[in-house]
Amino acid sequence: METLKKDLQALMQFSGSALFDSKLLELKKTYTTTEERSFIYNFFLSDMERTRNVIKHISKRLEAIQVAEMA
């Protein structure tokens, strides 16, 4: 699992690039057990949750700035 974790972290370096999909497909071909696939799914679910929380935090800060500007 440690190798999978490191591979997923390395994959995230390609996030937003054209190589991301091909690298993810390579991982999916390499890690085929239910446990490994579950780990991959949970990794991305966790990443999406972190992203969502960051966006919420930034949104609240922007709202505070707007309120301060109006005052």
PDB file of N, CA and C in Angstrom:
ATOM      1  N   MET A   1       0.816  -1.207   0.000  1.00  0.00           N
ATOM      2  CA  MET A   1       0.000   0.000   0.000  1.00  0.00           C
ATOM      3  C   MET A   1       0.857   1.269   0.000  1.00  0.00           C
ATOM      4  N   GLU A   2       2.018   1.191   0.623  1.00  0.00           N
ATOM      5  CA  GLU A   2       2.889   2.367   0.652  1.00  0.00           C
ATOM      6  C   GLU A   2       3.321   2.756  -0.763  1.00  0.00           C
ATOM      7  N   THR A   3       3.603   1.744  -1.581  1.00  0.00           N
ATOM      8  CA  THR A   3       3.994   2.028  -2.965  1.00  0.00           C
ATOM      9  C   THR A   3       2.843   2.680  -3.708  1.00  0.00           C
ATOM     10  N   LEU A   4       1.642   2.179  -3.510  1.00  0.00           N
ATOM     11  CA  LEU A   4       0.462   2.759  -4.142  1.00  0.00           C
ATOM     12  C   LEU A   4       0.268   4.202  -3.700  1.00  0.00           C
ATOM     13  N   LYS A   5       0.434   4.444  -2.420  1.00  0.00           N
ATOM     14  CA  LYS A   5       0.287   5.800  -1.889  1.00  0.00           C
ATOM     15  C   LYS A   5       1.298   6.744  -2.554  1.00  0.00           C
ATOM     16  N   LYS A   6       2.537   6.305  -2.665  1.00  0.00           N
ATOM     17  CA  LYS A   6       3.570   7.121  -3.304  1.00  0.00           C
ATOM     18  C   LYS A   6       3.261   7.335  -4.785  1.00  0.00           C
ATOM     19  N   ASP A   7       2.763   6.289  -5.447  1.00  0.00           N
ATOM     20  CA  ASP A   7       2.406   6.413  -6.858  1.00  0.00           C
ATOM     21  C   ASP A   7       1.271   7.415  -7.057  1.00  0.00           C
ATOM     22  N   LEU A   8       0.301   7.414  -6.156  1.00  0.00           N
ATOM     23  CA  LEU A   8      -0.801   8.370  -6.253  1.00  0.00           C
ATOM     24  C   LEU A   8      -0.319   9.797  -6.002  1.00  0.00           C
ATOM     25  N   GLN A   9       0.573   9.954  -5.046  1.00  0.00           N
ATOM     26  CA  GLN A   9       1.128  11.277  -4.783  1.00  0.00           C
ATOM     27  C   GLN A   9       1.932  11.773  -5.982  1.00  0.00           C
ATOM     28  N   ALA A  10       2.670  10.882  -6.616  1.00  0.00           N
ATOM     29  CA  ALA A  10       3.419  11.247  -7.818  1.00  0.00           C
ATOM     30  C   ALA A  10       2.460  11.593  -8.958  1.00  0.00           C
ATOM     31  N   LEU A  11       1.360  10.867  -9.045  1.00  0.00           N
ATOM     32  CA  LEU A  11       0.355  11.132 -10.069  1.00  0.00           C
ATOM     33  C   LEU A  11      -0.202  12.539  -9.947  1.00  0.00           C
ATOM     34  N   MET A  12      -0.385  13.002  -8.721  1.00  0.00           N
ATOM     35  CA  MET A  12      -0.971  14.321  -8.503  1.00  0.00           C
ATOM     36  C   MET A  12      -0.087  15.442  -9.054  1.00  0.00           C
ATOM     37  N   GLN A  13       1.174  15.160  -9.281  1.00  0.00           N
ATOM     38  CA  GLN A  13       2.047  16.154  -9.899  1.00  0.00           C
ATOM     39  C   GLN A  13       1.620  16.433 -11.338  1.00  0.00           C
ATOM     40  N   PHE A  14       0.904  15.487 -11.938  1.00  0.00           N
ATOM     41  CA  PHE A  14       0.438  15.640 -13.311  1.00  0.00           C
ATOM     42  C   PHE A  14      -0.975  16.212 -13.379  1.00  0.00           C
ATOM     43  N   SER A  15      -1.549  16.516 -12.230  1.00  0.00           N
ATOM     44  CA  SER A  15      -2.905  17.047 -12.187  1.00  0.00           C
ATOM     45  C   SER A  15      -3.019  18.285 -13.063  1.00  0.00           C
ATOM     46  N   GLY A  16      -3.994  18.277 -13.945  1.00  0.00           N
ATOM     47  CA  GLY A  16      -4.212  19.404 -14.840  1.00  0.00           C
ATOM     48  C   GLY A  16      -3.421  19.324 -16.135  1.00  0.00           C
ATOM     49  N   SER A  17      -2.552  18.327 -16.245  1.00  0.00           N
ATOM     50  CA  SER A  17      -1.769  18.203 -17.480  1.00  0.00           C
ATOM     51  C   SER A  17      -2.353  17.113 -18.374  1.00  0.00           C
ATOM     52  N   ALA A  18      -1.914  17.098 -19.606  1.00  0.00           N
ATOM     53  CA  ALA A  18      -2.394  16.113 -20.571  1.00  0.00           C
ATOM     54  C   ALA A  18      -1.958  14.692 -20.189  1.00  0.00           C
ATOM     55  N   LEU A  19      -0.904  14.570 -19.419  1.00  0.00           N
ATOM     56  CA  LEU A  19      -0.394  13.249 -19.030  1.00  0.00           C
ATOM     57  C   LEU A  19      -1.193  12.592 -17.907  1.00  0.00           C
ATOM     58  N   PHE A  20      -2.006  13.370 -17.208  1.00  0.00           N
ATOM     59  CA  PHE A  20      -2.702  12.854 -16.032  1.00  0.00           C
ATOM     60  C   PHE A  20      -3.529  11.607 -16.351  1.00  0.00           C
ATOM     61  N   ASP A  21      -4.344  11.671 -17.388  1.00  0.00           N
ATOM     62  CA  ASP A  21      -5.217  10.543 -17.711  1.00  0.00           C
ATOM     63  C   ASP A  21      -4.435   9.284 -18.048  1.00  0.00           C
ATOM     64  N   SER A  22      -3.374   9.421 -18.823  1.00  0.00           N
ATOM     65  CA  SER A  22      -2.595   8.230 -19.182  1.00  0.00           C
ATOM     66  C   SER A  22      -1.876   7.653 -17.966  1.00  0.00           C
ATOM     67  N   LYS A  23      -1.383   8.526 -17.090  1.00  0.00           N
ATOM     68  CA  LYS A  23      -0.724   8.053 -15.868  1.00  0.00           C
ATOM     69  C   LYS A  23      -1.722   7.359 -14.943  1.00  0.00           C
ATOM     70  N   LEU A  24      -2.929   7.901 -14.848  1.00  0.00           N
ATOM     71  CA  LEU A  24      -3.960   7.271 -14.026  1.00  0.00           C
ATOM     72  C   LEU A  24      -4.330   5.909 -14.602  1.00  0.00           C
ATOM     73  N   LEU A  25      -4.437   5.810 -15.912  1.00  0.00           N
ATOM     74  CA  LEU A  25      -4.752   4.536 -16.548  1.00  0.00           C
ATOM     75  C   LEU A  25      -3.659   3.507 -16.269  1.00  0.00           C
ATOM     76  N   GLU A  26      -2.406   3.948 -16.283  1.00  0.00           N
ATOM     77  CA  GLU A  26      -1.296   3.051 -15.938  1.00  0.00           C
ATOM     78  C   GLU A  26      -1.459   2.513 -14.520  1.00  0.00           C
ATOM     79  N   LEU A  27      -1.811   3.397 -13.592  1.00  0.00           N
ATOM     80  CA  LEU A  27      -2.011   2.965 -12.204  1.00  0.00           C
ATOM     81  C   LEU A  27      -3.153   1.971 -12.101  1.00  0.00           C
ATOM     82  N   LYS A  28      -4.233   2.244 -12.809  1.00  0.00           N
ATOM     83  CA  LYS A  28      -5.390   1.347 -12.745  1.00  0.00           C
ATOM     84  C   LYS A  28      -5.057  -0.022 -13.320  1.00  0.00           C
ATOM     85  N   LYS A  29      -4.153  -0.081 -14.284  1.00  0.00           N
ATOM     86  CA  LYS A  29      -3.732  -1.368 -14.853  1.00  0.00           C
ATOM     87  C   LYS A  29      -2.771  -2.094 -13.908  1.00  0.00           C
ATOM     88  N   THR A  30      -2.018  -1.317 -13.138  1.00  0.00           N
ATOM     89  CA  THR A  30      -1.033  -1.894 -12.217  1.00  0.00           C
ATOM     90  C   THR A  30      -1.690  -2.414 -10.948  1.00  0.00           C
ATOM     91  N   TYR A  31      -2.602  -1.633 -10.403  1.00  0.00           N
ATOM     92  CA  TYR A  31      -3.249  -1.986  -9.130  1.00  0.00           C
ATOM     93  C   TYR A  31      -4.662  -2.462  -9.410  1.00  0.00           C
ATOM     94  N   THR A  32      -4.859  -3.772  -9.300  1.00  0.00           N
ATOM     95  CA  THR A  32      -6.130  -4.349  -9.751  1.00  0.00           C
ATOM     96  C   THR A  32      -6.961  -4.998  -8.652  1.00  0.00           C
ATOM     97  N   THR A  33      -6.407  -5.163  -7.458  1.00  0.00           N
ATOM     98  CA  THR A  33      -7.185  -5.817  -6.413  1.00  0.00           C
ATOM     99  C   THR A  33      -8.276  -4.867  -5.907  1.00  0.00           C
ATOM    100  N   THR A  34      -9.272  -5.429  -5.300  1.00  0.00           N
ATOM    101  CA  THR A  34     -10.365  -4.635  -4.743  1.00  0.00           C
ATOM    102  C   THR A  34      -9.843  -3.663  -3.696  1.00  0.00           C
ATOM    103  N   GLU A  35      -8.925  -4.118  -2.871  1.00  0.00           N
ATOM    104  CA  GLU A  35      -8.361  -3.261  -1.826  1.00  0.00           C
ATOM    105  C   GLU A  35      -7.610  -2.084  -2.442  1.00  0.00           C
ATOM    106  N   GLU A  36      -6.819  -2.355  -3.472  1.00  0.00           N
ATOM    107  CA  GLU A  36      -6.065  -1.286  -4.128  1.00  0.00           C
ATOM    108  C   GLU A  36      -6.999  -0.306  -4.830  1.00  0.00           C
ATOM    109  N   ARG A  37      -7.996  -0.820  -5.522  1.00  0.00           N
ATOM    110  CA  ARG A  37      -8.947   0.057  -6.210  1.00  0.00           C
ATOM    111  C   ARG A  37      -9.725   0.903  -5.208  1.00  0.00           C
ATOM    112  N   SER A  38     -10.074   0.320  -4.090  1.00  0.00           N
ATOM    113  CA  SER A  38     -10.776   1.044  -3.038  1.00  0.00           C
ATOM    114  C   SER A  38      -9.889   2.164  -2.497  1.00  0.00           C
ATOM    115  N   PHE A  39      -8.609   1.877  -2.313  1.00  0.00           N
ATOM    116  CA  PHE A  39      -7.670   2.879  -1.830  1.00  0.00           C
ATOM    117  C   PHE A  39      -7.576   4.041  -2.817  1.00  0.00           C
ATOM    118  N   ILE A  40      -7.487   3.727  -4.112  1.00  0.00           N
ATOM    119  CA  ILE A  40      -7.433   4.761  -5.148  1.00  0.00           C
ATOM    120  C   ILE A  40      -8.698   5.607  -5.105  1.00  0.00           C
ATOM    121  N   TYR A  41      -9.846   4.976  -5.028  1.00  0.00           N
ATOM    122  CA  TYR A  41     -11.124   5.694  -4.973  1.00  0.00           C
ATOM    123  C   TYR A  41     -11.161   6.629  -3.757  1.00  0.00           C
ATOM    124  N   ASN A  42     -10.798   6.103  -2.601  1.00  0.00           N
ATOM    125  CA  ASN A  42     -10.820   6.907  -1.371  1.00  0.00           C
ATOM    126  C   ASN A  42      -9.803   8.043  -1.409  1.00  0.00           C
ATOM    127  N   PHE A  43      -8.675   7.813  -2.053  1.00  0.00           N
ATOM    128  CA  PHE A  43      -7.668   8.858  -2.206  1.00  0.00           C
ATOM    129  C   PHE A  43      -8.257  10.045  -2.965  1.00  0.00           C
ATOM    130  N   PHE A  44      -8.926   9.769  -4.070  1.00  0.00           N
ATOM    131  CA  PHE A  44      -9.502  10.855  -4.865  1.00  0.00           C
ATOM    132  C   PHE A  44     -10.706  11.475  -4.177  1.00  0.00           C
ATOM    133  N   LEU A  45     -11.469  10.682  -3.470  1.00  0.00           N
ATOM    134  CA  LEU A  45     -12.602  11.213  -2.713  1.00  0.00           C
ATOM    135  C   LEU A  45     -12.095  12.174  -1.638  1.00  0.00           C
ATOM    136  N   SER A  46     -11.042  11.793  -0.955  1.00  0.00           N
ATOM    137  CA  SER A  46     -10.441  12.640   0.073  1.00  0.00           C
ATOM    138  C   SER A  46      -9.878  13.920  -0.549  1.00  0.00           C
ATOM    139  N   ASP A  47      -9.229  13.777  -1.699  1.00  0.00           N
ATOM    140  CA  ASP A  47      -8.672  14.947  -2.390  1.00  0.00           C
ATOM    141  C   ASP A  47      -9.782  15.910  -2.804  1.00  0.00           C
ATOM    142  N   MET A  48     -10.888  15.374  -3.282  1.00  0.00           N
ATOM    143  CA  MET A  48     -12.015  16.224  -3.675  1.00  0.00           C
ATOM    144  C   MET A  48     -12.602  16.933  -2.459  1.00  0.00           C
ATOM    145  N   GLU A  49     -12.665  16.259  -1.339  1.00  0.00           N
ATOM    146  CA  GLU A  49     -13.191  16.861  -0.111  1.00  0.00           C
ATOM    147  C   GLU A  49     -12.289  18.014   0.354  1.00  0.00           C
ATOM    148  N   ARG A  50     -10.972  17.797   0.306  1.00  0.00           N
ATOM    149  CA  ARG A  50     -10.029  18.859   0.674  1.00  0.00           C
ATOM    150  C   ARG A  50     -10.197  20.060  -0.257  1.00  0.00           C
ATOM    151  N   THR A  51     -10.324  19.793  -1.539  1.00  0.00           N
ATOM    152  CA  THR A  51     -10.508  20.876  -2.516  1.00  0.00           C
ATOM    153  C   THR A  51     -11.787  21.628  -2.235  1.00  0.00           C
ATOM    154  N   ARG A  52     -12.844  20.913  -1.944  1.00  0.00           N
ATOM    155  CA  ARG A  52     -14.138  21.529  -1.631  1.00  0.00           C
ATOM    156  C   ARG A  52     -14.022  22.437  -0.409  1.00  0.00           C
ATOM    157  N   ASN A  53     -13.335  21.958   0.619  1.00  0.00           N
ATOM    158  CA  ASN A  53     -13.163  22.755   1.845  1.00  0.00           C
ATOM    159  C   ASN A  53     -12.329  24.008   1.600  1.00  0.00           C
ATOM    160  N   VAL A  54     -11.310  23.891   0.773  1.00  0.00           N
ATOM    161  CA  VAL A  54     -10.490  25.061   0.445  1.00  0.00           C
ATOM    162  C   VAL A  54     -11.327  26.088  -0.306  1.00  0.00           C
ATOM    163  N   ILE A  55     -12.128  25.632  -1.243  1.00  0.00           N
ATOM    164  CA  ILE A  55     -12.986  26.542  -2.004  1.00  0.00           C
ATOM    165  C   ILE A  55     -13.983  27.231  -1.086  1.00  0.00           C
ATOM    166  N   LYS A  56     -14.569  26.492  -0.145  1.00  0.00           N
ATOM    167  CA  LYS A  56     -15.495  27.100   0.813  1.00  0.00           C
ATOM    168  C   LYS A  56     -14.795  28.159   1.645  1.00  0.00           C
ATOM    169  N   HIS A  57     -13.582  27.866   2.094  1.00  0.00           N
ATOM    170  CA  HIS A  57     -12.824  28.802   2.913  1.00  0.00           C
ATOM    171  C   HIS A  57     -12.510  30.083   2.127  1.00  0.00           C
ATOM    172  N   ILE A  58     -12.072  29.919   0.902  1.00  0.00           N
ATOM    173  CA  ILE A  58     -11.763  31.080   0.058  1.00  0.00           C
ATOM    174  C   ILE A  58     -13.023  31.888  -0.206  1.00  0.00           C
ATOM    175  N   SER A  59     -14.118  31.211  -0.441  1.00  0.00           N
ATOM    176  CA  SER A  59     -15.385  31.890  -0.698  1.00  0.00           C
ATOM    177  C   SER A  59     -15.807  32.737   0.507  1.00  0.00           C
ATOM    178  N   LYS A  60     -15.652  32.197   1.704  1.00  0.00           N
ATOM    179  CA  LYS A  60     -15.994  32.947   2.917  1.00  0.00           C
ATOM    180  C   LYS A  60     -15.092  34.161   3.080  1.00  0.00           C
ATOM    181  N   ARG A  61     -13.823  33.999   2.772  1.00  0.00           N
ATOM    182  CA  ARG A  61     -12.892  35.128   2.875  1.00  0.00           C
ATOM    183  C   ARG A  61     -13.245  36.219   1.864  1.00  0.00           C
ATOM    184  N   LEU A  62     -13.636  35.812   0.653  1.00  0.00           N
ATOM    185  CA  LEU A  62     -14.035  36.790  -0.355  1.00  0.00           C
ATOM    186  C   LEU A  62     -15.289  37.537   0.078  1.00  0.00           C
ATOM    187  N   GLU A  63     -16.209  36.820   0.682  1.00  0.00           N
ATOM    188  CA  GLU A  63     -17.418  37.470   1.188  1.00  0.00           C
ATOM    189  C   GLU A  63     -17.068  38.507   2.261  1.00  0.00           C
ATOM    190  N   ALA A  64     -16.145  38.154   3.144  1.00  0.00           N
ATOM    191  CA  ALA A  64     -15.722  39.074   4.198  1.00  0.00           C
ATOM    192  C   ALA A  64     -15.068  40.321   3.610  1.00  0.00           C
ATOM    193  N   ILE A  65     -14.284  40.123   2.564  1.00  0.00           N
ATOM    194  CA  ILE A  65     -13.637  41.257   1.910  1.00  0.00           C
ATOM    195  C   ILE A  65     -14.682  42.169   1.270  1.00  0.00           C
ATOM    196  N   GLN A  66     -15.686  41.566   0.615  1.00  0.00           N
ATOM    197  CA  GLN A  66     -16.733  42.341  -0.012  1.00  0.00           C
ATOM    198  C   GLN A  66     -17.506  43.162   1.022  1.00  0.00           C
ATOM    199  N   VAL A  67     -17.816  42.541   2.145  1.00  0.00           N
ATOM    200  CA  VAL A  67     -18.528  43.238   3.224  1.00  0.00           C
ATOM    201  C   VAL A  67     -17.676  44.399   3.744  1.00  0.00           C
ATOM    202  N   ALA A  68     -16.384  44.148   3.914  1.00  0.00           N
ATOM    203  CA  ALA A  68     -15.486  45.191   4.418  1.00  0.00           C
ATOM    204  C   ALA A  68     -15.374  46.347   3.419  1.00  0.00           C
ATOM    205  N   GLU A  69     -15.369  46.035   2.148  1.00  0.00           N
ATOM    206  CA  GLU A  69     -15.289  47.077   1.134  1.00  0.00           C
ATOM    207  C   GLU A  69     -16.557  47.938   1.102  1.00  0.00           C
ATOM    208  N   MET A  70     -17.677  47.337   1.409  1.00  0.00           N
ATOM    209  CA  MET A  70     -18.949  48.059   1.375  1.00  0.00           C
ATOM    210  C   MET A  70     -19.091  48.980   2.575  1.00  0.00           C
ATOM    211  N   ALA A  71     -18.376  48.671   3.629  1.00  0.00           N
ATOM    212  CA  ALA A  71     -18.498  49.467   4.869  1.00  0.00           C
ATOM    213  C   ALA A  71     -17.775  50.778   4.788  1.00  0.00           C
TER     214      ALA A  71
END
